[in-house]
C-alpha atoms as a PDB file:
ATOM      1  CA  MET A   1    -216.834 196.674 -49.247  1.00  0.00           C
ATOM      2  CA  ARG A   2    -212.881 197.458 -49.888  1.00  0.00           C
ATOM      3  CA  ARG A   3    -212.842 193.342 -51.694  1.00  0.00           C
ATOM      4  CA  LEU A   4    -215.725 194.644 -54.017  1.00  0.00           C
ATOM      5  CA  GLN A   5    -214.013 197.714 -54.644  1.00  0.00           C
ATOM      6  CA  ARG A   6    -210.650 196.014 -55.617  1.00  0.00           C
ATOM      7  CA  SER A   7    -212.766 193.302 -57.474  1.00  0.00           C
ATOM      8  CA  LEU A   8    -214.224 196.125 -59.541  1.00  0.00           C
ATOM      9  CA  THR A   9    -210.811 197.571 -60.097  1.00  0.00           C
ATOM     10  CA  GLY A  10    -209.546 194.223 -61.208  1.00  0.00           C
ATOM     11  CA  LEU A  11    -212.218 193.647 -63.776  1.00  0.00           C
ATOM     12  CA  ALA A  12    -211.718 197.143 -65.193  1.00  0.00           C
ATOM     13  CA  LEU A  13    -208.377 196.363 -65.410  1.00  0.00           C
ATOM     14  CA  LEU A  14    -209.282 193.236 -67.200  1.00  0.00           C
ATOM     15  CA  LEU A  15    -211.769 194.367 -69.497  1.00  0.00           C
ATOM     16  CA  PRO A  16    -209.598 196.187 -72.076  1.00  0.00           C
ATOM     17  CA  LEU A  17    -207.074 192.990 -72.376  1.00  0.00           C
ATOM     18  CA  LEU A  18    -210.533 190.897 -72.810  1.00  0.00           C
ATOM     19  CA  ALA A  19    -211.466 193.622 -75.543  1.00  0.00           C
ATOM     20  CA  ALA A  20    -207.692 193.535 -77.065  1.00  0.00           C
ATOM     21  CA  GLN A  21    -208.045 189.655 -77.397  1.00  0.00           C
ATOM     22  CA  THR A  22    -211.135 189.705 -78.838  1.00  0.00           C
ATOM     23  CA  ALA A  23    -210.515 192.348 -81.418  1.00  0.00           C
ATOM     24  CA  ALA A  24    -207.118 190.342 -82.355  1.00  0.00           C
ATOM     25  CA  ALA A  25    -206.230 191.091 -85.767  1.00  0.00           C
ATOM     26  CA  GLN A  26    -206.913 188.399 -88.509  1.00  0.00           C
ATOM     27  CA  GLY A  27    -205.274 186.928 -91.233  1.00  0.00           C
ATOM     28  CA  THR A  28    -206.694 186.727 -94.541  1.00  0.00           C
ATOM     29  CA  LEU A  29    -207.842 184.306 -97.287  1.00  0.00           C
ATOM     30  CA  GLU A  30    -206.913 184.878-100.990  1.00  0.00           C
ATOM     31  CA  GLN A  31    -208.245 182.411-103.696  1.00  0.00           C
ATOM     32  CA  ILE A  32    -205.719 182.740-106.806  1.00  0.00           C
ATOM     33  CA  ARG A  33    -204.874 180.687-109.611  1.00  0.00           C
ATOM     34  CA  VAL A  34    -201.604 179.444-110.613  1.00  0.00           C
ATOM     35  CA  PHE A  35    -200.386 178.282-114.030  1.00  0.00           C
ATOM     36  CA  GLY A  36    -198.012 175.103-113.971  1.00  0.00           C
ATOM     37  CA  PRO A  37    -195.891 174.614-116.799  1.00  0.00           C
ATOM     38  CA  SER A  38    -195.684 170.594-115.226  1.00  0.00           C
ATOM     39  CA  LEU A  39    -199.282 169.919-116.126  1.00  0.00           C
ATOM     40  CA  GLU A  40    -199.270 171.162-119.667  1.00  0.00           C
ATOM     41  CA  GLY A  41    -200.152 168.738-121.977  1.00  0.00           C
ATOM     42  CA  ASN A  42    -201.293 166.056-119.830  1.00  0.00           C
ATOM     43  CA  LEU A  43    -203.688 164.016-121.834  1.00  0.00           C
ATOM     44  CA  GLU A  44    -206.556 163.903-119.000  1.00  0.00           C
ATOM     45  CA  GLY A  45    -207.064 167.627-120.129  1.00  0.00           C
ATOM     46  CA  ASN A  46    -206.680 168.806-116.728  1.00  0.00           C
ATOM     47  CA  ASP A  47    -206.367 172.179-116.511  1.00  0.00           C
ATOM     48  CA  PRO A  48    -203.031 173.377-115.982  1.00  0.00           C
ATOM     49  CA  ASN A  49    -204.321 176.656-114.258  1.00  0.00           C
ATOM     50  CA  ARG A  50    -205.078 175.204-110.641  1.00  0.00           C
ATOM     51  CA  GLU A  51    -207.232 176.809-107.630  1.00  0.00           C
ATOM     52  CA  VAL A  52    -204.880 177.750-105.021  1.00  0.00           C
ATOM     53  CA  PHE A  53    -205.766 179.291-101.293  1.00  0.00           C
ATOM     54  CA  VAL A  54    -203.368 181.465 -99.596  1.00  0.00           C
ATOM     55  CA  TYR A  55    -203.841 182.238 -95.921  1.00  0.00           C
ATOM     56  CA  LEU A  56    -201.638 185.377 -95.013  1.00  0.00           C
ATOM     57  CA  PRO A  57    -201.217 185.977 -91.299  1.00  0.00           C
ATOM     58  CA  PRO A  58    -202.404 188.875 -89.394  1.00  0.00           C
ATOM     59  CA  GLY A  59    -199.382 190.945 -89.434  1.00  0.00           C
ATOM     60  CA  TYR A  60    -198.651 190.531 -92.936  1.00  0.00           C
ATOM     61  CA  ALA A  61    -200.393 193.396 -94.482  1.00  0.00           C
ATOM     62  CA  GLU A  62    -198.785 195.728 -91.773  1.00  0.00           C
ATOM     63  CA  SER A  63    -195.246 195.097 -92.229  1.00  0.00           C
ATOM     64  CA  ASP A  64    -192.402 194.153 -94.650  1.00  0.00           C
ATOM     65  CA  GLU A  65    -191.368 190.850 -92.944  1.00  0.00           C
ATOM     66  CA  ARG A  66    -190.975 187.517 -94.895  1.00  0.00           C
ATOM     67  CA  TYR A  67    -192.667 184.537 -93.715  1.00  0.00           C
ATOM     68  CA  PRO A  68    -192.216 180.505 -93.426  1.00  0.00           C
ATOM     69  CA  VAL A  69    -194.628 178.671 -95.845  1.00  0.00           C
ATOM     70  CA  VAL A  70    -196.596 175.402 -95.431  1.00  0.00           C
ATOM     71  CA  TYR A  71    -197.997 173.750 -98.275  1.00  0.00           C
ATOM     72  CA  TYR A  72    -201.142 171.658 -97.413  1.00  0.00           C
ATOM     73  CA  LEU A  73    -202.050 168.606 -99.828  1.00  0.00           C
ATOM     74  CA  HIS A  74    -205.887 167.921 -99.524  1.00  0.00           C
ATOM     75  CA  GLY A  75    -207.321 164.351 -99.878  1.00  0.00           C
ATOM     76  CA  TYR A  76    -208.694 162.430-102.475  1.00  0.00           C
ATOM     77  CA  SER A  77    -212.135 163.203-104.076  1.00  0.00           C
ATOM     78  CA  VAL A  78    -212.575 166.296-103.022  1.00  0.00           C
ATOM     79  CA  GLY A  79    -210.876 170.008-103.991  1.00  0.00           C
ATOM     80  CA  ALA A  80    -208.729 172.413-102.032  1.00  0.00           C
ATOM     81  CA  GLN A  81    -211.770 174.260-101.138  1.00  0.00           C
ATOM     82  CA  ALA A  82    -213.284 171.478 -99.025  1.00  0.00           C
ATOM     83  CA  TYR A  83    -210.129 171.545 -97.021  1.00  0.00           C
ATOM     84  CA  VAL A  84    -210.223 174.981 -96.197  1.00  0.00           C
ATOM     85  CA  ASN A  85    -213.968 174.592 -95.019  1.00  0.00           C
ATOM     86  CA  LEU A  86    -212.823 171.506 -92.862  1.00  0.00           C
ATOM     87  CA  LEU A  87    -209.881 173.304 -91.583  1.00  0.00           C
ATOM     88  CA  GLY A  88    -211.639 176.385 -90.613  1.00  0.00           C
ATOM     89  CA  LEU A  89    -209.304 178.782 -92.469  1.00  0.00           C
ATOM     90  CA  PRO A  90    -208.671 181.720 -92.179  1.00  0.00           C
ATOM     91  CA  GLY A  91    -209.836 180.932 -88.197  1.00  0.00           C
ATOM     92  CA  ALA A  92    -207.814 178.170 -87.745  1.00  0.00           C
ATOM     93  CA  GLY A  93    -204.613 179.901 -88.779  1.00  0.00           C
ATOM     94  CA  ASP A  94    -205.455 183.282 -86.419  1.00  0.00           C
ATOM     95  CA  GLU A  95    -206.077 180.665 -83.193  1.00  0.00           C
ATOM     96  CA  ALA A  96    -202.742 179.297 -83.600  1.00  0.00           C
ATOM     97  CA  ILE A  97    -201.075 182.324 -83.714  1.00  0.00           C
ATOM     98  CA  ALA A  98    -202.908 183.890 -81.137  1.00  0.00           C
ATOM     99  CA  ALA A  99    -202.379 180.467 -78.888  1.00  0.00           C
ATOM    100  CA  GLY A 100    -198.694 181.703 -79.262  1.00  0.00           C
ATOM    101  CA  GLY A 101    -197.611 179.942 -82.779  1.00  0.00           C
ATOM    102  CA  ARG A 102    -195.113 181.660 -85.147  1.00  0.00           C
ATOM    103  CA  GLU A 103    -196.756 183.748 -88.021  1.00  0.00           C
ATOM    104  CA  MET A 104    -196.588 181.716 -91.538  1.00  0.00           C
ATOM    105  CA  ILE A 105    -198.158 181.595 -94.515  1.00  0.00           C
ATOM    106  CA  LEU A 106    -200.455 178.687 -95.405  1.00  0.00           C
ATOM    107  CA  VAL A 107    -200.948 177.347 -99.169  1.00  0.00           C
ATOM    108  CA  LEU A 108    -203.795 174.745-100.209  1.00  0.00           C
ATOM    109  CA  PRO A 109    -203.433 174.061-103.883  1.00  0.00           C
ATOM    110  CA  ASP A 110    -206.149 171.617-105.950  1.00  0.00           C
ATOM    111  CA  GLY A 111    -205.125 168.294-106.916  1.00  0.00           C
ATOM    112  CA  ASN A 112    -207.874 167.116-108.311  1.00  0.00           C
ATOM    113  CA  SER A 113    -208.295 165.196-112.094  1.00  0.00           C
ATOM    114  CA  ARG A 114    -210.184 163.911-114.312  1.00  0.00           C
ATOM    115  CA  HIS A 115    -210.805 160.882-111.765  1.00  0.00           C
ATOM    116  CA  SER A 116    -211.324 162.723-108.756  1.00  0.00           C
ATOM    117  CA  GLY A 117    -207.756 162.932-107.394  1.00  0.00           C
ATOM    118  CA  SER A 118    -204.045 163.230-108.749  1.00  0.00           C
ATOM    119  CA  LEU A 119    -202.325 161.202-106.119  1.00  0.00           C
ATOM    120  CA  TYR A 120    -199.700 164.150-106.398  1.00  0.00           C
ATOM    121  CA  SER A 121    -198.274 161.831-108.555  1.00  0.00           C
ATOM    122  CA  ASN A 122    -196.256 162.514-111.730  1.00  0.00           C
ATOM    123  CA  SER A 123    -197.874 160.871-115.138  1.00  0.00           C
ATOM    124  CA  PRO A 124    -198.243 161.828-118.944  1.00  0.00           C
ATOM    125  CA  THR A 125    -201.930 161.508-118.412  1.00  0.00           C
ATOM    126  CA  THR A 126    -202.686 163.149-115.394  1.00  0.00           C
ATOM    127  CA  GLY A 127    -199.592 165.412-115.511  1.00  0.00           C
ATOM    128  CA  ASP A 128    -196.873 165.963-113.399  1.00  0.00           C
ATOM    129  CA  PHE A 129    -198.202 167.313-109.929  1.00  0.00           C
ATOM    130  CA  GLU A 130    -195.121 166.495-108.305  1.00  0.00           C
ATOM    131  CA  GLY A 131    -193.423 168.995-110.561  1.00  0.00           C
ATOM    132  CA  PHE A 132    -196.262 171.442-110.117  1.00  0.00           C
ATOM    133  CA  ILE A 133    -196.122 171.071-106.343  1.00  0.00           C
ATOM    134  CA  ALA A 134    -192.512 170.928-105.570  1.00  0.00           C
ATOM    135  CA  LYS A 135    -191.728 173.395-108.843  1.00  0.00           C
ATOM    136  CA  ASP A 136    -194.251 175.418-110.307  1.00  0.00           C
ATOM    137  CA  LEU A 137    -196.586 176.245-107.121  1.00  0.00           C
ATOM    138  CA  VAL A 138    -193.253 177.429-105.063  1.00  0.00           C
ATOM    139  CA  ALA A 139    -191.831 179.379-107.463  1.00  0.00           C
ATOM    140  CA  TYR A 140    -194.973 181.108-107.993  1.00  0.00           C
ATOM    141  CA  ILE A 141    -195.851 181.757-104.121  1.00  0.00           C
ATOM    142  CA  ASP A 142    -191.807 182.658-103.468  1.00  0.00           C
ATOM    143  CA  ALA A 143    -192.274 185.244-106.135  1.00  0.00           C
ATOM    144  CA  ASN A 144    -195.528 186.800-105.241  1.00  0.00           C
ATOM    145  CA  TYR A 145    -195.634 186.545-101.351  1.00  0.00           C
ATOM    146  CA  ARG A 146    -193.212 187.792 -99.030  1.00  0.00           C
ATOM    147  CA  THR A 147    -191.770 184.194 -98.284  1.00  0.00           C
ATOM    148  CA  ILE A 148    -188.547 182.973 -96.794  1.00  0.00           C
ATOM    149  CA  ALA A 149    -187.365 181.686 -99.964  1.00  0.00           C
ATOM    150  CA  ALA A 150    -185.293 178.408 -98.398  1.00  0.00           C
ATOM    151  CA  ARG A 151    -185.848 175.275 -97.710  1.00  0.00           C
ATOM    152  CA  GLU A 152    -185.524 175.380 -93.874  1.00  0.00           C
ATOM    153  CA  SER A 153    -188.653 177.756 -94.004  1.00  0.00           C
ATOM    154  CA  ARG A 154    -190.743 175.909 -96.221  1.00  0.00           C
ATOM    155  CA  GLY A 155    -192.796 172.993 -94.602  1.00  0.00           C
ATOM    156  CA  LEU A 156    -194.896 170.271 -96.594  1.00  0.00           C
ATOM    157  CA  SER A 157    -197.845 168.454 -95.055  1.00  0.00           C
ATOM    158  CA  GLY A 158    -201.506 166.980 -96.173  1.00  0.00           C
ATOM    159  CA  HIS A 159    -203.960 164.396 -95.292  1.00  0.00           C
ATOM    160  CA  SER A 160    -204.856 160.942 -96.613  1.00  0.00           C
ATOM    161  CA  MET A 161    -204.238 161.527-100.132  1.00  0.00           C
ATOM    162  CA  GLY A 162    -202.424 164.700 -99.347  1.00  0.00           C
ATOM    163  CA  GLY A 163    -200.243 162.625 -96.784  1.00  0.00           C
ATOM    164  CA  TYR A 164    -199.408 160.124 -99.329  1.00  0.00           C
ATOM    165  CA  GLY A 165    -198.391 163.478-101.595  1.00  0.00           C
ATOM    166  CA  THR A 166    -196.421 164.553 -98.280  1.00  0.00           C
ATOM    167  CA  MET A 167    -194.259 161.457 -98.351  1.00  0.00           C
ATOM    168  CA  ARG A 168    -194.066 160.671-102.151  1.00  0.00           C
ATOM    169  CA  ILE A 169    -192.963 164.384-102.990  1.00  0.00           C
ATOM    170  CA  GLY A 170    -190.986 164.854 -99.607  1.00  0.00           C
ATOM    171  CA  MET A 171    -188.975 162.233-100.210  1.00  0.00           C
ATOM    172  CA  LYS A 172    -187.936 163.126-104.008  1.00  0.00           C
ATOM    173  CA  HIS A 173    -187.659 166.783-103.237  1.00  0.00           C
ATOM    174  CA  PRO A 174    -185.953 167.350 -99.953  1.00  0.00           C
ATOM    175  CA  GLU A 175    -183.723 170.279-101.460  1.00  0.00           C
ATOM    176  CA  VAL A 176    -187.299 172.102-101.533  1.00  0.00           C
ATOM    177  CA  PHE A 177    -189.122 171.460 -98.002  1.00  0.00           C
ATOM    178  CA  GLY A 178    -187.498 171.507 -94.595  1.00  0.00           C
ATOM    179  CA  ALA A 179    -189.807 169.699 -92.462  1.00  0.00           C
ATOM    180  CA  LEU A 180    -192.781 167.090 -93.068  1.00  0.00           C
ATOM    181  CA  PHE A 181    -196.255 166.404 -91.374  1.00  0.00           C
ATOM    182  CA  ALA A 182    -198.119 163.718 -93.094  1.00  0.00           C
ATOM    183  CA  MET A 183    -201.564 163.144 -91.832  1.00  0.00           C
ATOM    184  CA  SER A 184    -203.228 159.369 -92.074  1.00  0.00           C
ATOM    185  CA  SER A 185    -201.413 158.659 -95.312  1.00  0.00           C
ATOM    186  CA  CYS A 186    -203.382 156.581 -98.002  1.00  0.00           C
ATOM    187  CA  CYS A 187    -201.855 154.528-100.647  1.00  0.00           C
ATOM    188  CA  LEU A 188    -198.235 153.631 -98.622  1.00  0.00           C
ATOM    189  CA  LEU A 189    -198.527 150.159 -99.942  1.00  0.00           C
ATOM    190  CA  ASN A 190    -200.471 149.441-103.340  1.00  0.00           C
ATOM    191  CA  GLN A 191    -201.606 146.299-104.808  1.00  0.00           C
ATOM    192  CA  ALA A 192    -202.768 146.058-108.338  1.00  0.00           C
ATOM    193  CA  PRO A 193    -206.767 145.646-108.283  1.00  0.00           C
ATOM    194  CA  SER A 194    -208.212 142.207-108.868  1.00  0.00           C
ATOM    195  CA  ARG A 195    -209.455 140.965-112.165  1.00  0.00           C
ATOM    196  CA  GLU A 196    -212.734 140.849-110.526  1.00  0.00           C
ATOM    197  CA  ALA A 197    -212.582 144.751-109.737  1.00  0.00           C
ATOM    198  CA  VAL A 198    -211.108 145.756-113.208  1.00  0.00           C
ATOM    199  CA  GLU A 199    -214.018 143.786-115.104  1.00  0.00           C
ATOM    200  CA  GLN A 200    -216.076 145.697-112.551  1.00  0.00           C
ATOM    201  CA  GLN A 201    -214.448 149.152-113.527  1.00  0.00           C
ATOM    202  CA  VAL A 202    -214.780 148.313-117.357  1.00  0.00           C
ATOM    203  CA  ALA A 203    -218.437 147.621-116.889  1.00  0.00           C
ATOM    204  CA  ARG A 204    -219.352 150.498-115.135  1.00  0.00           C
ATOM    205  CA  LEU A 205    -217.508 152.638-117.954  1.00  0.00           C
ATOM    206  CA  SER A 206    -219.620 150.670-120.525  1.00  0.00           C
ATOM    207  CA  ALA A 207    -222.862 151.580-118.869  1.00  0.00           C
ATOM    208  CA  PRO A 208    -224.798 154.368-120.247  1.00  0.00           C
ATOM    209  CA  PRO A 209    -223.682 157.991-118.806  1.00  0.00           C
ATOM    210  CA  GLN A 210    -225.282 159.257-116.014  1.00  0.00           C
ATOM    211  CA  GLU A 211    -224.210 162.562-114.613  1.00  0.00           C
ATOM    212  CA  ALA A 212    -220.791 163.178-113.753  1.00  0.00           C
ATOM    213  CA  ALA A 213    -219.828 164.563-110.436  1.00  0.00           C
ATOM    214  CA  GLY A 214    -217.648 167.501-112.012  1.00  0.00           C
ATOM    215  CA  GLY A 215    -216.333 168.622-115.223  1.00  0.00           C
ATOM    216  CA  ARG A 216    -213.119 168.814-117.072  1.00  0.00           C
ATOM    217  CA  GLY A 217    -210.045 169.669-115.541  1.00  0.00           C
ATOM    218  CA  GLY A 218    -210.340 168.686-111.790  1.00  0.00           C
ATOM    219  CA  ARG A 219    -213.630 168.506-110.820  1.00  0.00           C
ATOM    220  CA  GLY A 220    -214.426 165.349-110.507  1.00  0.00           C
ATOM    221  CA  GLY A 221    -215.386 161.856-112.721  1.00  0.00           C
ATOM    222  CA  ARG A 222    -215.807 163.181-116.678  1.00  0.00           C
ATOM    223  CA  GLY A 223    -215.362 159.222-117.932  1.00  0.00           C
ATOM    224  CA  GLY A 224    -215.893 157.935-114.365  1.00  0.00           C
ATOM    225  CA  ARG A 225    -219.319 157.390-114.340  1.00  0.00           C
ATOM    226  CA  GLY A 226    -220.221 159.235-111.084  1.00  0.00           C
ATOM    227  CA  GLY A 227    -216.815 160.477-109.645  1.00  0.00           C
ATOM    228  CA  GLY A 228    -215.938 160.470-105.979  1.00  0.00           C
ATOM    229  CA  PHE A 229    -214.446 156.932-104.285  1.00  0.00           C
ATOM    230  CA  GLY A 230    -216.119 155.246-107.441  1.00  0.00           C
ATOM    231  CA  ASN A 231    -213.211 156.644-109.458  1.00  0.00           C
ATOM    232  CA  ALA A 232    -210.317 155.623-107.104  1.00  0.00           C
ATOM    233  CA  LEU A 233    -209.159 152.842-109.449  1.00  0.00           C
ATOM    234  CA  LEU A 234    -209.039 154.847-112.406  1.00  0.00           C
ATOM    235  CA  ALA A 235    -206.925 157.556-110.535  1.00  0.00           C
ATOM    236  CA  GLN A 236    -204.444 155.137-109.232  1.00  0.00           C
ATOM    237  CA  ALA A 237    -204.364 153.800-112.699  1.00  0.00           C
ATOM    238  CA  ALA A 238    -203.688 156.822-114.341  1.00  0.00           C
ATOM    239  CA  ALA A 239    -201.271 158.323-112.180  1.00  0.00           C
ATOM    240  CA  TRP A 240    -199.128 155.033-111.810  1.00  0.00           C
ATOM    241  CA  ALA A 241    -199.622 152.886-114.789  1.00  0.00           C
ATOM    242  CA  PRO A 242    -200.267 155.979-117.905  1.00  0.00           C
ATOM    243  CA  ASN A 243    -199.749 154.847-121.520  1.00  0.00           C
ATOM    244  CA  PRO A 244    -200.144 157.544-123.833  1.00  0.00           C
ATOM    245  CA  ASP A 245    -200.830 155.051-126.599  1.00  0.00           C
ATOM    246  CA  ASN A 246    -204.028 153.560-125.084  1.00  0.00           C
ATOM    247  CA  PRO A 247    -206.394 155.952-125.554  1.00  0.00           C
ATOM    248  CA  PRO A 248    -209.464 157.219-124.447  1.00  0.00           C
ATOM    249  CA  LEU A 249    -208.141 156.435-120.516  1.00  0.00           C
ATOM    250  CA  TYR A 250    -204.161 156.508-121.777  1.00  0.00           C
ATOM    251  CA  PHE A 251    -203.710 153.942-119.007  1.00  0.00           C
ATOM    252  CA  ASP A 252    -203.125 150.464-118.532  1.00  0.00           C
ATOM    253  CA  TRP A 253    -205.069 147.813-116.406  1.00  0.00           C
ATOM    254  CA  PRO A 254    -202.935 145.387-114.911  1.00  0.00           C
ATOM    255  CA  TYR A 255    -205.553 142.610-116.676  1.00  0.00           C
ATOM    256  CA  GLU A 256    -206.687 142.537-120.283  1.00  0.00           C
ATOM    257  CA  ASN A 257    -208.531 139.790-122.087  1.00  0.00           C
ATOM    258  CA  GLY A 258    -208.378 138.054-118.288  1.00  0.00           C
ATOM    259  CA  GLU A 259    -204.687 137.502-118.318  1.00  0.00           C
ATOM    260  CA  LEU A 260    -202.435 139.543-115.855  1.00  0.00           C
ATOM    261  CA  ASN A 261    -199.398 141.629-117.134  1.00  0.00           C
ATOM    262  CA  PRO A 262    -196.860 141.445-114.238  1.00  0.00           C
ATOM    263  CA  ILE A 263    -195.148 144.934-115.577  1.00  0.00           C
ATOM    264  CA  VAL A 264    -198.659 146.778-115.153  1.00  0.00           C
ATOM    265  CA  GLU A 265    -198.689 144.985-111.584  1.00  0.00           C
ATOM    266  CA  ALA A 266    -195.387 146.123-110.489  1.00  0.00           C
ATOM    267  CA  LYS A 267    -196.269 149.508-111.478  1.00  0.00           C
ATOM    268  CA  TRP A 268    -198.394 149.808-108.488  1.00  0.00           C
ATOM    269  CA  ALA A 269    -196.171 148.471-106.117  1.00  0.00           C
ATOM    270  CA  ALA A 270    -193.542 150.690-107.635  1.00  0.00           C
ATOM    271  CA  ASN A 271    -195.253 153.823-106.767  1.00  0.00           C
ATOM    272  CA  SER A 272    -195.664 152.632-102.656  1.00  0.00           C
ATOM    273  CA  PRO A 273    -193.544 154.503-100.303  1.00  0.00           C
ATOM    274  CA  LEU A 274    -193.169 151.301 -98.261  1.00  0.00           C
ATOM    275  CA  VAL A 275    -191.257 150.089-101.398  1.00  0.00           C
ATOM    276  CA  PHE A 276    -189.341 153.083-102.225  1.00  0.00           C
ATOM    277  CA  VAL A 277    -188.583 154.584 -98.859  1.00  0.00           C
ATOM    278  CA  ASP A 278    -185.054 152.754 -99.056  1.00  0.00           C
ATOM    279  CA  GLN A 279    -184.028 154.954-101.987  1.00  0.00           C
ATOM    280  CA  TYR A 280    -184.442 158.303-100.131  1.00  0.00           C
ATOM    281  CA  VAL A 281    -182.618 157.885 -96.647  1.00  0.00           C
ATOM    282  CA  PRO A 282    -180.327 160.635 -97.189  1.00  0.00           C
ATOM    283  CA  GLY A 283    -182.878 163.355 -98.529  1.00  0.00           C
ATOM    284  CA  LEU A 284    -185.443 162.093 -95.414  1.00  0.00           C
ATOM    285  CA  GLU A 285    -182.354 162.483 -93.029  1.00  0.00           C
ATOM    286  CA  SER A 286    -181.561 166.162 -94.157  1.00  0.00           C
ATOM    287  CA  TYR A 287    -185.058 167.156 -92.709  1.00  0.00           C
ATOM    288  CA  ARG A 288    -185.425 169.407 -90.028  1.00  0.00           C
ATOM    289  CA  ALA A 289    -187.972 167.029 -88.385  1.00  0.00           C
ATOM    290  CA  ILE A 290    -190.729 164.540 -89.682  1.00  0.00           C
ATOM    291  CA  TYR A 291    -193.922 163.804 -88.111  1.00  0.00           C
ATOM    292  CA  ILE A 292    -196.351 161.075 -89.126  1.00  0.00           C
ATOM    293  CA  ASP A 293    -199.863 160.589 -87.504  1.00  0.00           C
ATOM    294  CA  VAL A 294    -202.693 158.421 -87.571  1.00  0.00           C
ATOM    295  CA  GLY A 295    -206.053 157.172 -85.926  1.00  0.00           C
ATOM    296  CA  ASP A 296    -206.307 154.399 -83.902  1.00  0.00           C
ATOM    297  CA  GLN A 297    -209.647 153.679 -85.962  1.00  0.00           C
ATOM    298  CA  ASP A 298    -208.440 154.386 -88.850  1.00  0.00           C
ATOM    299  CA  GLY A 299    -208.217 151.549 -91.723  1.00  0.00           C
ATOM    300  CA  LEU A 300    -204.816 152.997 -92.790  1.00  0.00           C
ATOM    301  CA  MET A 301    -203.171 152.410 -89.395  1.00  0.00           C
ATOM    302  CA  ALA A 302    -201.317 149.315 -90.269  1.00  0.00           C
ATOM    303  CA  THR A 303    -199.318 150.665 -92.871  1.00  0.00           C
ATOM    304  CA  ASN A 304    -198.773 153.878 -91.471  1.00  0.00           C
ATOM    305  CA  VAL A 305    -196.989 152.133 -88.699  1.00  0.00           C
ATOM    306  CA  GLN A 306    -195.174 150.011 -91.028  1.00  0.00           C
ATOM    307  CA  LEU A 307    -193.775 153.310 -92.690  1.00  0.00           C
ATOM    308  CA  SER A 308    -192.803 154.308 -88.981  1.00  0.00           C
ATOM    309  CA  GLU A 309    -190.753 151.190 -88.681  1.00  0.00           C
ATOM    310  CA  ALA A 310    -189.397 151.343 -91.906  1.00  0.00           C
ATOM    311  CA  LEU A 311    -187.937 154.978 -90.894  1.00  0.00           C
ATOM    312  CA  GLU A 312    -186.995 153.482 -87.495  1.00  0.00           C
ATOM    313  CA  ARG A 313    -184.948 150.559 -89.416  1.00  0.00           C
ATOM    314  CA  LEU A 314    -183.246 152.758 -91.738  1.00  0.00           C
ATOM    315  CA  GLY A 315    -182.058 155.312 -88.992  1.00  0.00           C
ATOM    316  CA  VAL A 316    -184.627 158.426 -89.820  1.00  0.00           C
ATOM    317  CA  GLU A 317    -185.539 160.425 -86.915  1.00  0.00           C
ATOM    318  CA  HIS A 318    -189.295 161.263 -86.866  1.00  0.00           C
ATOM    319  CA  GLU A 319    -192.002 161.178 -84.305  1.00  0.00           C
ATOM    320  CA  PHE A 320    -194.847 159.129 -84.764  1.00  0.00           C
ATOM    321  CA  GLU A 321    -198.585 159.027 -82.983  1.00  0.00           C
ATOM    322  CA  VAL A 322    -201.708 157.057 -82.819  1.00  0.00           C
ATOM    323  CA  TYR A 323    -204.464 159.092 -81.771  1.00  0.00           C
ATOM    324  CA  GLU A 324    -207.821 158.359 -80.507  1.00  0.00           C
ATOM    325  CA  GLY A 325    -210.008 158.794 -83.952  1.00  0.00           C
ATOM    326  CA  ASP A 326    -210.841 157.651 -86.905  1.00  0.00           C
ATOM    327  CA  HIS A 327    -209.720 158.872 -90.384  1.00  0.00           C
ATOM    328  CA  GLY A 328    -211.535 161.972 -90.602  1.00  0.00           C
ATOM    329  CA  ASN A 329    -212.789 163.172 -87.458  1.00  0.00           C
ATOM    330  CA  ARG A 330    -210.279 165.073 -85.643  1.00  0.00           C
ATOM    331  CA  VAL A 331    -208.238 166.695 -88.819  1.00  0.00           C
ATOM    332  CA  ALA A 332    -209.191 170.187 -88.159  1.00  0.00           C
ATOM    333  CA  GLN A 333    -208.499 170.022 -84.505  1.00  0.00           C
ATOM    334  CA  ARG A 334    -205.151 168.356 -85.227  1.00  0.00           C
ATOM    335  CA  PHE A 335    -204.292 170.802 -87.725  1.00  0.00           C
ATOM    336  CA  ARG A 336    -204.663 173.559 -85.224  1.00  0.00           C
ATOM    337  CA  GLU A 337    -203.315 171.716 -82.320  1.00  0.00           C
ATOM    338  CA  ASN A 338    -200.107 169.492 -83.904  1.00  0.00           C
ATOM    339  CA  VAL A 339    -199.829 170.662 -87.625  1.00  0.00           C
ATOM    340  CA  VAL A 340    -199.285 174.279 -87.342  1.00  0.00           C
ATOM    341  CA  PRO A 341    -197.224 174.483 -84.055  1.00  0.00           C
ATOM    342  CA  PHE A 342    -194.984 171.839 -85.517  1.00  0.00           C
ATOM    343  CA  PHE A 343    -194.077 174.108 -88.132  1.00  0.00           C
ATOM    344  CA  ALA A 344    -194.076 176.752 -85.903  1.00  0.00           C
ATOM    345  CA  GLU A 345    -191.518 175.134 -84.093  1.00  0.00           C
ATOM    346  CA  HIS A 346    -189.271 173.486 -87.024  1.00  0.00           C
ATOM    347  CA  LEU A 347    -189.365 175.938 -89.683  1.00  0.00           C
ATOM    348  CA  ARG A 348    -186.544 178.620 -89.676  1.00  0.00           C
END
């Protein structure tokens, strides 16, 4: 009887704690639009007013504290909304904080384009998405939210195309960000498409129009005949081989009339992090931490391994992990369990 009474007493003490956890404060998710001067005048007509999702931690509304910020870049062929759903925001942020993580602001900008993805590159055809992320967006978030406006308190992360954007922008703008986490990065070593691939794409564009996957300014395949991954070569050419004097697509194919243009071919390779990483060693060395991961069943594993090997050769400290999984089946889990805790530890 005494043992039962002690158990009931213990349960009575435990119930308020369980109730407190159940009723734990929740963060909020805002959907805003941010004007990007860096994107004005782009030849594709991509909207310079970009959709952006901002996660504010539970304590934000009730305090005057300032918070570190993590900018997260989505993958190809979908927008920021799809990754908000994939990552499970705002709940994923709340769970990470409840598990002992530091409160922070999370920002997910839309990087889509006419051809289903900007590659977060700098092109007069698609617009300067590098500048939009590293300058326009950061300036807006710092001006409108209570951030710690210092590079040591800003992180940059993303998955697939967003992982490519993380490494590309991170290498070129170490003065803006203090830590990087690249997930399953694509496009680390780029080869121009074959003549057959170009001819197929040109024939596809010449076919009778079908319903596009989206509309002007960042939601799919206007001019791409179907959108999604069918537009990948178009997106890459627009980002990496722009030509303002070549309407209506405003880029160059590496093959024209069956002949290879070696300069255009070289432009694709020149936009490969594995090619230009050697140029950015001092900036990479200045980061507080760098983390790269990829699944062991991901077709991108080989180039991610090569990137880690290149950083090791160059003496750039970083963490690299090959985990059990494919390209997309553990993104949400790793975001909660790895990405958010990583930045909680390494941002000031």
